[in-house]
Amino acid sequence: QVLSLPIVVIVHGNQDNNAKATVLWDNAFSEIDR
């Protein structure tokens, strides 16, 4: 198994902005072997 890039599942387009924030934060600040 291997960790994928972060994914956020949304149910409506108005959640897109917050989903992008979650992905950005995770991509930028998480540790590889966390």
PDB file of all heavy atoms in Angstrom:
ATOM      1  N   GLN A   1       0.843  -1.195   0.000  1.00  0.00           N
ATOM      2  CA  GLN A   1       0.000   0.000   0.000  1.00  0.00           C
ATOM      3  C   GLN A   1       0.878   1.245   0.000  1.00  0.00           C
ATOM      4  O   GLN A   1       2.038   1.213   0.407  1.00  0.00           O
ATOM      5  CB  GLN A   1      -0.924   0.015   1.214  1.00  0.00           C
ATOM      6  CG  GLN A   1      -0.192   0.095   2.550  1.00  0.00           C
ATOM      7  CD  GLN A   1      -1.169   0.195   3.708  1.00  0.00           C
ATOM      8  OE1 GLN A   1      -2.349  -0.073   3.575  1.00  0.00           O
ATOM      9  NE2 GLN A   1      -0.672   0.574   4.865  1.00  0.00           N
ATOM     10  N   VAL A   2       0.307   2.345  -0.472  1.00  0.00           N
ATOM     11  CA  VAL A   2       1.031   3.612  -0.493  1.00  0.00           C
ATOM     12  C   VAL A   2       0.020   4.741  -0.318  1.00  0.00           C
ATOM     13  O   VAL A   2      -1.129   4.636  -0.770  1.00  0.00           O
ATOM     14  CB  VAL A   2       1.821   3.773  -1.818  1.00  0.00           C
ATOM     15  CG1 VAL A   2       0.888   3.846  -3.020  1.00  0.00           C
ATOM     16  CG2 VAL A   2       2.728   4.985  -1.787  1.00  0.00           C
ATOM     17  N   LEU A   3       0.428   5.766   0.376  1.00  0.00           N
ATOM     18  CA  LEU A   3      -0.463   6.910   0.563  1.00  0.00           C
ATOM     19  C   LEU A   3      -0.623   7.655  -0.751  1.00  0.00           C
ATOM     20  O   LEU A   3       0.352   7.911  -1.456  1.00  0.00           O
ATOM     21  CB  LEU A   3       0.106   7.871   1.610  1.00  0.00           C
ATOM     22  CG  LEU A   3      -0.017   7.477   3.078  1.00  0.00           C
ATOM     23  CD1 LEU A   3       0.698   8.505   3.939  1.00  0.00           C
ATOM     24  CD2 LEU A   3      -1.471   7.369   3.494  1.00  0.00           C
ATOM     25  N   SER A   4      -1.845   7.999  -1.073  1.00  0.00           N
ATOM     26  CA  SER A   4      -2.099   8.799  -2.275  1.00  0.00           C
ATOM     27  C   SER A   4      -1.900  10.276  -1.933  1.00  0.00           C
ATOM     28  O   SER A   4      -1.702  10.649  -0.774  1.00  0.00           O
ATOM     29  CB  SER A   4      -3.527   8.587  -2.756  1.00  0.00           C
ATOM     30  OG  SER A   4      -4.435   9.303  -1.932  1.00  0.00           O
ATOM     31  N   LEU A   5      -1.987  11.116  -2.954  1.00  0.00           N
ATOM     32  CA  LEU A   5      -2.099  12.547  -2.708  1.00  0.00           C
ATOM     33  C   LEU A   5      -3.432  12.788  -2.014  1.00  0.00           C
ATOM     34  O   LEU A   5      -4.359  11.976  -2.143  1.00  0.00           O
ATOM     35  CB  LEU A   5      -2.043  13.317  -4.030  1.00  0.00           C
ATOM     36  CG  LEU A   5      -0.666  13.357  -4.707  1.00  0.00           C
ATOM     37  CD1 LEU A   5      -0.788  13.936  -6.105  1.00  0.00           C
ATOM     38  CD2 LEU A   5       0.321  14.181  -3.894  1.00  0.00           C
ATOM     39  N   PRO A   6      -3.558  13.895  -1.262  1.00  0.00           N
ATOM     40  CA  PRO A   6      -4.815  14.123  -0.530  1.00  0.00           C
ATOM     41  C   PRO A   6      -6.009  14.289  -1.462  1.00  0.00           C
ATOM     42  O   PRO A   6      -5.915  14.904  -2.517  1.00  0.00           O
ATOM     43  CB  PRO A   6      -4.541  15.406   0.248  1.00  0.00           C
ATOM     44  CG  PRO A   6      -3.393  16.056  -0.434  1.00  0.00           C
ATOM     45  CD  PRO A   6      -2.581  14.961  -0.995  1.00  0.00           C
ATOM     46  N   ILE A   7      -7.125  13.706  -1.060  1.00  0.00           N
ATOM     47  CA  ILE A   7      -8.377  13.783  -1.811  1.00  0.00           C
ATOM     48  C   ILE A   7      -9.466  14.260  -0.862  1.00  0.00           C
ATOM     49  O   ILE A   7      -9.533  13.825   0.284  1.00  0.00           O
ATOM     50  CB  ILE A   7      -8.770  12.393  -2.364  1.00  0.00           C
ATOM     51  CG1 ILE A   7      -7.750  11.918  -3.418  1.00  0.00           C
ATOM     52  CG2 ILE A   7     -10.167  12.413  -2.969  1.00  0.00           C
ATOM     53  CD1 ILE A   7      -7.919  10.468  -3.802  1.00  0.00           C
ATOM     54  N   VAL A   8     -10.316  15.161  -1.335  1.00  0.00           N
ATOM     55  CA  VAL A   8     -11.481  15.575  -0.562  1.00  0.00           C
ATOM     56  C   VAL A   8     -12.721  15.289  -1.400  1.00  0.00           C
ATOM     57  O   VAL A   8     -12.767  15.629  -2.587  1.00  0.00           O
ATOM     58  CB  VAL A   8     -11.422  17.080  -0.216  1.00  0.00           C
ATOM     59  CG1 VAL A   8     -12.686  17.509   0.509  1.00  0.00           C
ATOM     60  CG2 VAL A   8     -10.203  17.387   0.647  1.00  0.00           C
ATOM     61  N   VAL A   9     -13.705  14.648  -0.806  1.00  0.00           N
ATOM     62  CA  VAL A   9     -14.964  14.360  -1.511  1.00  0.00           C
ATOM     63  C   VAL A   9     -15.981  15.429  -1.116  1.00  0.00           C
ATOM     64  O   VAL A   9     -16.188  15.692   0.073  1.00  0.00           O
ATOM     65  CB  VAL A   9     -15.496  12.962  -1.131  1.00  0.00           C
ATOM     66  CG1 VAL A   9     -16.820  12.690  -1.840  1.00  0.00           C
ATOM     67  CG2 VAL A   9     -14.473  11.896  -1.483  1.00  0.00           C
ATOM     68  N   ILE A  10     -16.596  16.053  -2.114  1.00  0.00           N
ATOM     69  CA  ILE A  10     -17.603  17.089  -1.830  1.00  0.00           C
ATOM     70  C   ILE A  10     -18.922  16.696  -2.485  1.00  0.00           C
ATOM     71  O   ILE A  10     -18.957  15.897  -3.423  1.00  0.00           O
ATOM     72  CB  ILE A  10     -17.153  18.485  -2.319  1.00  0.00           C
ATOM     73  CG1 ILE A  10     -16.952  18.510  -3.842  1.00  0.00           C
ATOM     74  CG2 ILE A  10     -15.872  18.920  -1.613  1.00  0.00           C
ATOM     75  CD1 ILE A  10     -16.648  19.902  -4.384  1.00  0.00           C
ATOM     76  N   VAL A  11     -20.019  17.272  -1.982  1.00  0.00           N
ATOM     77  CA  VAL A  11     -21.342  16.946  -2.526  1.00  0.00           C
ATOM     78  C   VAL A  11     -21.961  18.130  -3.262  1.00  0.00           C
ATOM     79  O   VAL A  11     -23.005  17.994  -3.878  1.00  0.00           O
ATOM     80  CB  VAL A  11     -22.304  16.467  -1.417  1.00  0.00           C
ATOM     81  CG1 VAL A  11     -21.807  15.161  -0.806  1.00  0.00           C
ATOM     82  CG2 VAL A  11     -22.484  17.534  -0.337  1.00  0.00           C
ATOM     83  N   HIS A  12     -21.304  19.281  -3.187  1.00  0.00           N
ATOM     84  CA  HIS A  12     -21.837  20.459  -3.877  1.00  0.00           C
ATOM     85  C   HIS A  12     -20.696  21.399  -4.232  1.00  0.00           C
ATOM     86  O   HIS A  12     -19.704  21.476  -3.509  1.00  0.00           O
ATOM     87  CB  HIS A  12     -22.850  21.186  -2.975  1.00  0.00           C
ATOM     88  CG  HIS A  12     -23.690  22.185  -3.708  1.00  0.00           C
ATOM     89  ND1 HIS A  12     -23.225  23.446  -4.026  1.00  0.00           N
ATOM     90  CD2 HIS A  12     -24.960  22.118  -4.191  1.00  0.00           C
ATOM     91  CE1 HIS A  12     -24.167  24.109  -4.678  1.00  0.00           C
ATOM     92  NE2 HIS A  12     -25.233  23.324  -4.790  1.00  0.00           N
ATOM     93  N   GLY A  13     -20.855  22.122  -5.338  1.00  0.00           N
ATOM     94  CA  GLY A  13     -19.805  23.034  -5.806  1.00  0.00           C
ATOM     95  C   GLY A  13     -19.440  24.114  -4.816  1.00  0.00           C
ATOM     96  O   GLY A  13     -18.312  24.613  -4.827  1.00  0.00           O
ATOM     97  N   ASN A  14     -20.377  24.479  -3.917  1.00  0.00           N
ATOM     98  CA  ASN A  14     -20.054  25.542  -2.954  1.00  0.00           C
ATOM     99  C   ASN A  14     -19.061  25.078  -1.888  1.00  0.00           C
ATOM    100  O   ASN A  14     -18.582  25.878  -1.087  1.00  0.00           O
ATOM    101  CB  ASN A  14     -21.328  26.122  -2.302  1.00  0.00           C
ATOM    102  CG  ASN A  14     -22.102  25.107  -1.479  1.00  0.00           C
ATOM    103  OD1 ASN A  14     -21.615  24.001  -1.210  1.00  0.00           O
ATOM    104  ND2 ASN A  14     -23.314  25.458  -1.087  1.00  0.00           N
ATOM    105  N   GLN A  15     -18.759  23.776  -1.871  1.00  0.00           N
ATOM    106  CA  GLN A  15     -17.751  23.259  -0.931  1.00  0.00           C
ATOM    107  C   GLN A  15     -16.362  23.221  -1.560  1.00  0.00           C
ATOM    108  O   GLN A  15     -15.381  22.889  -0.893  1.00  0.00           O
ATOM    109  CB  GLN A  15     -18.140  21.835  -0.490  1.00  0.00           C
ATOM    110  CG  GLN A  15     -19.464  21.763   0.247  1.00  0.00           C
ATOM    111  CD  GLN A  15     -19.888  20.325   0.496  1.00  0.00           C
ATOM    112  OE1 GLN A  15     -19.641  19.445  -0.330  1.00  0.00           O
ATOM    113  NE2 GLN A  15     -20.537  20.081   1.621  1.00  0.00           N
ATOM    114  N   ASP A  16     -16.292  23.581  -2.820  1.00  0.00           N
ATOM    115  CA  ASP A  16     -15.032  23.483  -3.575  1.00  0.00           C
ATOM    116  C   ASP A  16     -13.914  24.296  -2.930  1.00  0.00           C
ATOM    117  O   ASP A  16     -12.781  23.838  -2.801  1.00  0.00           O
ATOM    118  CB  ASP A  16     -15.287  23.965  -5.007  1.00  0.00           C
ATOM    119  CG  ASP A  16     -14.071  23.783  -5.895  1.00  0.00           C
ATOM    120  OD1 ASP A  16     -13.577  22.648  -5.967  1.00  0.00           O
ATOM    121  OD2 ASP A  16     -13.610  24.767  -6.495  1.00  0.00           O
ATOM    122  N   ASN A  17     -14.249  25.503  -2.503  1.00  0.00           N
ATOM    123  CA  ASN A  17     -13.250  26.401  -1.920  1.00  0.00           C
ATOM    124  C   ASN A  17     -12.622  25.802  -0.661  1.00  0.00           C
ATOM    125  O   ASN A  17     -11.397  25.799  -0.505  1.00  0.00           O
ATOM    126  CB  ASN A  17     -13.914  27.750  -1.623  1.00  0.00           C
ATOM    127  CG  ASN A  17     -12.948  28.769  -1.082  1.00  0.00           C
ATOM    128  OD1 ASN A  17     -12.687  28.788   0.106  1.00  0.00           O
ATOM    129  ND2 ASN A  17     -12.419  29.615  -1.952  1.00  0.00           N
ATOM    130  N   ASN A  18     -13.458  25.283   0.229  1.00  0.00           N
ATOM    131  CA  ASN A  18     -12.943  24.689   1.471  1.00  0.00           C
ATOM    132  C   ASN A  18     -12.167  23.403   1.192  1.00  0.00           C
ATOM    133  O   ASN A  18     -11.188  23.099   1.877  1.00  0.00           O
ATOM    134  CB  ASN A  18     -14.100  24.398   2.437  1.00  0.00           C
ATOM    135  CG  ASN A  18     -14.701  25.673   2.986  1.00  0.00           C
ATOM    136  OD1 ASN A  18     -14.008  26.669   3.159  1.00  0.00           O
ATOM    137  ND2 ASN A  18     -15.995  25.669   3.241  1.00  0.00           N
ATOM    138  N   ALA A  19     -12.610  22.664   0.179  1.00  0.00           N
ATOM    139  CA  ALA A  19     -11.884  21.438  -0.199  1.00  0.00           C
ATOM    140  C   ALA A  19     -10.479  21.778  -0.682  1.00  0.00           C
ATOM    141  O   ALA A  19      -9.501  21.113  -0.320  1.00  0.00           O
ATOM    142  CB  ALA A  19     -12.668  20.700  -1.289  1.00  0.00           C
ATOM    143  N   LYS A  20     -10.367  22.832  -1.484  1.00  0.00           N
ATOM    144  CA  LYS A  20      -9.048  23.256  -1.976  1.00  0.00           C
ATOM    145  C   LYS A  20      -8.145  23.672  -0.822  1.00  0.00           C
ATOM    146  O   LYS A  20      -6.939  23.411  -0.836  1.00  0.00           O
ATOM    147  CB  LYS A  20      -9.208  24.416  -2.974  1.00  0.00           C
ATOM    148  CG  LYS A  20      -9.673  23.972  -4.344  1.00  0.00           C
ATOM    149  CD  LYS A  20      -9.476  25.065  -5.382  1.00  0.00           C
ATOM    150  CE  LYS A  20     -10.537  26.122  -5.310  1.00  0.00           C
ATOM    151  NZ  LYS A  20     -10.457  27.103  -6.411  1.00  0.00           N
ATOM    152  N   ALA A  21      -8.726  24.326   0.185  1.00  0.00           N
ATOM    153  CA  ALA A  21      -7.938  24.744   1.358  1.00  0.00           C
ATOM    154  C   ALA A  21      -7.381  23.525   2.088  1.00  0.00           C
ATOM    155  O   ALA A  21      -6.208  23.504   2.478  1.00  0.00           O
ATOM    156  CB  ALA A  21      -8.814  25.570   2.310  1.00  0.00           C
ATOM    157  N   THR A  22      -8.209  22.496   2.260  1.00  0.00           N
ATOM    158  CA  THR A  22      -7.792  21.271   2.947  1.00  0.00           C
ATOM    159  C   THR A  22      -6.657  20.587   2.194  1.00  0.00           C
ATOM    160  O   THR A  22      -5.653  20.171   2.778  1.00  0.00           O
ATOM    161  CB  THR A  22      -8.989  20.309   3.086  1.00  0.00           C
ATOM    162  OG1 THR A  22     -10.045  20.979   3.771  1.00  0.00           O
ATOM    163  CG2 THR A  22      -8.602  19.057   3.846  1.00  0.00           C
ATOM    164  N   VAL A  23      -6.813  20.476   0.869  1.00  0.00           N
ATOM    165  CA  VAL A  23      -5.801  19.830   0.041  1.00  0.00           C
ATOM    166  C   VAL A  23      -4.490  20.620   0.063  1.00  0.00           C
ATOM    167  O   VAL A  23      -3.400  20.055   0.189  1.00  0.00           O
ATOM    168  CB  VAL A  23      -6.321  19.644  -1.404  1.00  0.00           C
ATOM    169  CG1 VAL A  23      -5.189  19.235  -2.338  1.00  0.00           C
ATOM    170  CG2 VAL A  23      -7.437  18.606  -1.440  1.00  0.00           C
ATOM    171  N   LEU A  24      -4.604  21.938  -0.038  1.00  0.00           N
ATOM    172  CA  LEU A  24      -3.407  22.793  -0.037  1.00  0.00           C
ATOM    173  C   LEU A  24      -2.638  22.644   1.270  1.00  0.00           C
ATOM    174  O   LEU A  24      -1.411  22.475   1.277  1.00  0.00           O
ATOM    175  CB  LEU A  24      -3.805  24.257  -0.253  1.00  0.00           C
ATOM    176  CG  LEU A  24      -2.648  25.260  -0.303  1.00  0.00           C
ATOM    177  CD1 LEU A  24      -1.822  25.070  -1.565  1.00  0.00           C
ATOM    178  CD2 LEU A  24      -3.163  26.699  -0.244  1.00  0.00           C
ATOM    179  N   TRP A  25      -3.344  22.715   2.389  1.00  0.00           N
ATOM    180  CA  TRP A  25      -2.711  22.619   3.713  1.00  0.00           C
ATOM    181  C   TRP A  25      -2.041  21.257   3.868  1.00  0.00           C
ATOM    182  O   TRP A  25      -0.905  21.146   4.330  1.00  0.00           O
ATOM    183  CB  TRP A  25      -3.756  22.846   4.806  1.00  0.00           C
ATOM    184  CG  TRP A  25      -3.200  22.936   6.194  1.00  0.00           C
ATOM    185  CD1 TRP A  25      -2.841  21.906   7.009  1.00  0.00           C
ATOM    186  CD2 TRP A  25      -2.907  24.144   6.925  1.00  0.00           C
ATOM    187  NE1 TRP A  25      -2.367  22.375   8.210  1.00  0.00           N
ATOM    188  CE2 TRP A  25      -2.390  23.750   8.188  1.00  0.00           C
ATOM    189  CE3 TRP A  25      -3.042  25.500   6.652  1.00  0.00           C
ATOM    190  CZ2 TRP A  25      -2.012  24.669   9.165  1.00  0.00           C
ATOM    191  CZ3 TRP A  25      -2.658  26.420   7.632  1.00  0.00           C
ATOM    192  CH2 TRP A  25      -2.147  26.012   8.863  1.00  0.00           C
ATOM    193  N   ASP A  26      -2.750  20.205   3.461  1.00  0.00           N
ATOM    194  CA  ASP A  26      -2.221  18.845   3.587  1.00  0.00           C
ATOM    195  C   ASP A  26      -0.981  18.659   2.707  1.00  0.00           C
ATOM    196  O   ASP A  26       0.036  18.111   3.153  1.00  0.00           O
ATOM    197  CB  ASP A  26      -3.312  17.844   3.194  1.00  0.00           C
ATOM    198  CG  ASP A  26      -3.020  16.444   3.705  1.00  0.00           C
ATOM    199  OD1 ASP A  26      -2.036  15.851   3.227  1.00  0.00           O
ATOM    200  OD2 ASP A  26      -3.751  15.963   4.576  1.00  0.00           O
ATOM    201  N   ASN A  27      -1.058  19.116   1.467  1.00  0.00           N
ATOM    202  CA  ASN A  27       0.072  18.988   0.538  1.00  0.00           C
ATOM    203  C   ASN A  27       1.305  19.729   1.032  1.00  0.00           C
ATOM    204  O   ASN A  27       2.429  19.258   0.906  1.00  0.00           O
ATOM    205  CB  ASN A  27      -0.312  19.551  -0.833  1.00  0.00           C
ATOM    206  CG  ASN A  27      -0.647  18.463  -1.826  1.00  0.00           C
ATOM    207  OD1 ASN A  27      -0.176  17.349  -1.715  1.00  0.00           O
ATOM    208  ND2 ASN A  27      -1.471  18.789  -2.803  1.00  0.00           N
ATOM    209  N   ALA A  28       1.066  20.930   1.570  1.00  0.00           N
ATOM    210  CA  ALA A  28       2.188  21.801   1.929  1.00  0.00           C
ATOM    211  C   ALA A  28       2.835  21.438   3.262  1.00  0.00           C
ATOM    212  O   ALA A  28       4.045  21.577   3.418  1.00  0.00           O
ATOM    213  CB  ALA A  28       1.703  23.255   1.967  1.00  0.00           C
ATOM    214  N   PHE A  29       2.041  20.974   4.214  1.00  0.00           N
ATOM    215  CA  PHE A  29       2.549  20.917   5.589  1.00  0.00           C
ATOM    216  C   PHE A  29       2.558  19.524   6.233  1.00  0.00           C
ATOM    217  O   PHE A  29       2.970  19.385   7.382  1.00  0.00           O
ATOM    218  CB  PHE A  29       1.751  21.876   6.478  1.00  0.00           C
ATOM    219  CG  PHE A  29       1.677  23.275   5.921  1.00  0.00           C
ATOM    220  CD1 PHE A  29       0.458  23.885   5.681  1.00  0.00           C
ATOM    221  CD2 PHE A  29       2.840  23.975   5.594  1.00  0.00           C
ATOM    222  CE1 PHE A  29       0.396  25.177   5.156  1.00  0.00           C
ATOM    223  CE2 PHE A  29       2.786  25.260   5.066  1.00  0.00           C
ATOM    224  CZ  PHE A  29       1.551  25.861   4.843  1.00  0.00           C
ATOM    225  N   SER A  30       2.107  18.491   5.526  1.00  0.00           N
ATOM    226  CA  SER A  30       2.139  17.151   6.136  1.00  0.00           C
ATOM    227  C   SER A  30       3.519  16.524   5.919  1.00  0.00           C
ATOM    228  O   SER A  30       4.215  16.854   4.968  1.00  0.00           O
ATOM    229  CB  SER A  30       1.065  16.263   5.511  1.00  0.00           C
ATOM    230  OG  SER A  30       1.293  16.125   4.123  1.00  0.00           O
ATOM    231  N   GLU A  31       3.883  15.619   6.820  1.00  0.00           N
ATOM    232  CA  GLU A  31       5.151  14.897   6.693  1.00  0.00           C
ATOM    233  C   GLU A  31       4.943  13.672   5.812  1.00  0.00           C
ATOM    234  O   GLU A  31       3.876  13.057   5.823  1.00  0.00           O
ATOM    235  CB  GLU A  31       5.649  14.453   8.083  1.00  0.00           C
ATOM    236  CG  GLU A  31       5.896  15.598   9.064  1.00  0.00           C
ATOM    237  CD  GLU A  31       7.014  16.533   8.622  1.00  0.00           C
ATOM    238  OE1 GLU A  31       7.931  16.047   7.921  1.00  0.00           O
ATOM    239  OE2 GLU A  31       6.963  17.727   8.948  1.00  0.00           O
ATOM    240  N   ILE A  32       5.980  13.292   5.075  1.00  0.00           N
ATOM    241  CA  ILE A  32       5.876  12.154   4.145  1.00  0.00           C
ATOM    242  C   ILE A  32       5.504  10.865   4.885  1.00  0.00           C
ATOM    243  O   ILE A  32       4.637  10.114   4.460  1.00  0.00           O
ATOM    244  CB  ILE A  32       7.220  11.949   3.397  1.00  0.00           C
ATOM    245  CG1 ILE A  32       7.535  13.172   2.514  1.00  0.00           C
ATOM    246  CG2 ILE A  32       7.194  10.676   2.551  1.00  0.00           C
ATOM    247  CD1 ILE A  32       6.612  13.374   1.346  1.00  0.00           C
ATOM    248  N   ASP A  33       6.175  10.600   6.019  1.00  0.00           N
ATOM    249  CA  ASP A  33       5.975   9.326   6.712  1.00  0.00           C
ATOM    250  C   ASP A  33       5.031   9.447   7.900  1.00  0.00           C
ATOM    251  O   ASP A  33       5.152   8.756   8.896  1.00  0.00           O
ATOM    252  CB  ASP A  33       7.330   8.772   7.185  1.00  0.00           C
ATOM    253  CG  ASP A  33       8.083   9.806   8.038  1.00  0.00           C
ATOM    254  OD1 ASP A  33       7.586  10.956   8.142  1.00  0.00           O
ATOM    255  OD2 ASP A  33       9.145   9.461   8.582  1.00  0.00           O
ATOM    256  N   ARG A  34       4.052  10.320   7.780  1.00  0.00           N
ATOM    257  CA  ARG A  34       3.136  10.580   8.897  1.00  0.00           C
ATOM    258  C   ARG A  34       2.089   9.481   9.058  1.00  0.00           C
ATOM    259  O   ARG A  34       1.890   8.634   8.175  1.00  0.00           O
ATOM    260  CB  ARG A  34       2.393  11.886   8.626  1.00  0.00           C
ATOM    261  CG  ARG A  34       1.521  11.725   7.373  1.00  0.00           C
ATOM    262  CD  ARG A  34       0.798  12.980   7.031  1.00  0.00           C
ATOM    263  NE  ARG A  34       0.175  12.830   5.724  1.00  0.00           N
ATOM    264  CZ  ARG A  34      -0.999  13.310   5.415  1.00  0.00           C
ATOM    265  NH1 ARG A  34      -1.677  13.977   6.303  1.00  0.00           N
ATOM    266  NH2 ARG A  34      -1.502  13.151   4.218  1.00  0.00           N
TER     267      ARG A  34
END
